[in-house]
Amino acid sequence: MNKKEFDIEILSHNSSTFMKVEWLEVASPTGSFVIAPGHAPIISLLKSGSSISYFKDGHIEQTAPIDGGIVHIQNNKPVLILLWN
């Protein structure tokens, strides 16, 4: 694993995905923020109607719009629990 990358886990009601990314951007009800390696521990709600952006393999990718969720970061590992329609 590249030192700039870190593991993330994305969970939904019907799937679980693990991947290595350099950063990801999420939207909370109070604004967007970027999560990079070494981010402080946090728990935040995710804004309904937003998408999750992440940098992987040299380019930016984005999820479909979500109906909300939670991001939890502990021990340099973000876990996103997403709600979909």
Protein backbone atom coordinates (compact mmCIF):
# COMPACT_ATOMS: atom_id res chain seq x y z
CA MET A 1 0.00 0.00 0.00
CA ASN A 2 1.23 3.46 -0.90
CA LYS A 3 1.93 5.64 2.18
CA LYS A 4 -0.56 8.15 0.83
CA GLU A 5 -3.35 5.56 0.70
CA PHE A 6 -5.54 4.22 3.45
CA ASP A 7 -8.29 1.64 3.75
CA ILE A 8 -11.95 2.59 3.78
CA GLU A 9 -15.03 0.43 4.21
CA ILE A 10 -18.41 1.29 2.66
CA LEU A 11 -21.45 -0.54 4.01
CA SER A 12 -25.06 -0.44 2.85
CA HIS A 13 -28.10 -2.62 3.47
CA ASN A 14 -27.07 -5.03 0.70
CA SER A 15 -23.30 -4.67 0.17
CA SER A 16 -19.92 -4.20 1.75
CA THR A 17 -16.96 -2.69 -0.13
CA PHE A 18 -13.34 -2.32 0.94
CA MET A 19 -10.90 -0.15 -1.00
CA LYS A 20 -7.69 1.83 -0.74
CA VAL A 21 -7.95 5.56 -1.48
CA GLU A 22 -5.75 8.65 -1.12
CA TRP A 23 -8.63 10.80 0.19
CA LEU A 24 -12.38 11.01 0.26
CA GLU A 25 -14.83 13.88 0.53
CA VAL A 26 -18.16 13.62 2.30
CA ALA A 27 -20.97 16.09 2.95
CA SER A 28 -22.42 16.47 6.43
CA PRO A 29 -25.52 18.53 7.25
CA THR A 30 -23.19 21.43 8.20
CA GLY A 31 -20.82 21.24 5.21
CA SER A 32 -18.36 19.10 3.26
CA PHE A 33 -15.02 17.87 4.52
CA VAL A 34 -12.08 15.85 3.20
CA ILE A 35 -10.76 12.77 4.97
CA ALA A 36 -7.10 11.95 4.37
CA PRO A 37 -4.61 9.59 6.04
CA GLY A 38 -4.11 10.54 9.68
CA HIS A 39 -7.54 12.20 10.07
CA ALA A 40 -8.69 12.65 13.66
CA PRO A 41 -11.33 10.25 15.00
CA ILE A 42 -14.85 11.50 14.26
CA ILE A 43 -18.45 10.42 13.86
CA SER A 44 -20.63 12.48 11.51
CA LEU A 45 -23.97 12.24 9.79
CA LEU A 46 -23.90 12.24 5.99
CA LYS A 47 -26.16 14.61 4.09
CA SER A 48 -29.08 13.18 2.15
CA GLY A 49 -28.77 13.82 -1.60
CA SER A 50 -24.97 14.09 -1.47
CA SER A 51 -22.39 11.82 -3.13
CA ILE A 52 -19.13 10.47 -1.75
CA SER A 53 -16.06 11.48 -3.79
CA TYR A 54 -12.74 9.68 -3.49
CA PHE A 55 -9.34 9.67 -5.19
CA LYS A 56 -8.25 6.22 -6.29
CA ASP A 57 -5.83 4.94 -8.93
CA GLY A 58 -4.97 8.44 -10.14
CA HIS A 59 -8.48 9.80 -10.66
CA ILE A 60 -11.55 11.02 -8.79
CA GLU A 61 -14.55 8.70 -8.54
CA GLN A 62 -17.97 9.36 -7.07
CA THR A 63 -20.84 7.30 -5.70
CA ALA A 64 -24.45 7.71 -6.73
CA PRO A 65 -26.37 10.17 -4.54
CA ILE A 66 -27.11 8.74 -1.10
CA ASP A 67 -30.13 9.11 1.16
CA GLY A 68 -27.94 9.80 4.18
CA GLY A 69 -25.74 7.77 6.47
CA ILE A 70 -22.89 7.95 8.94
CA VAL A 71 -19.10 8.15 8.67
CA HIS A 72 -17.01 6.88 11.57
CA ILE A 73 -13.22 7.29 11.63
CA GLN A 74 -11.13 5.44 14.19
CA ASN A 75 -7.53 4.19 14.00
CA ASN A 76 -7.08 5.85 10.57
CA LYS A 77 -9.90 3.76 9.05
CA PRO A 78 -13.10 5.42 7.82
CA VAL A 79 -16.24 3.30 7.82
CA LEU A 80 -19.18 4.72 5.87
CA ILE A 81 -22.67 3.37 6.47
CA LEU A 82 -24.80 4.56 3.56
CA LEU A 83 -28.55 4.68 3.06
CA TRP A 84 -29.81 4.20 -0.49
CA ASN A 85 -33.26 4.34 -2.01
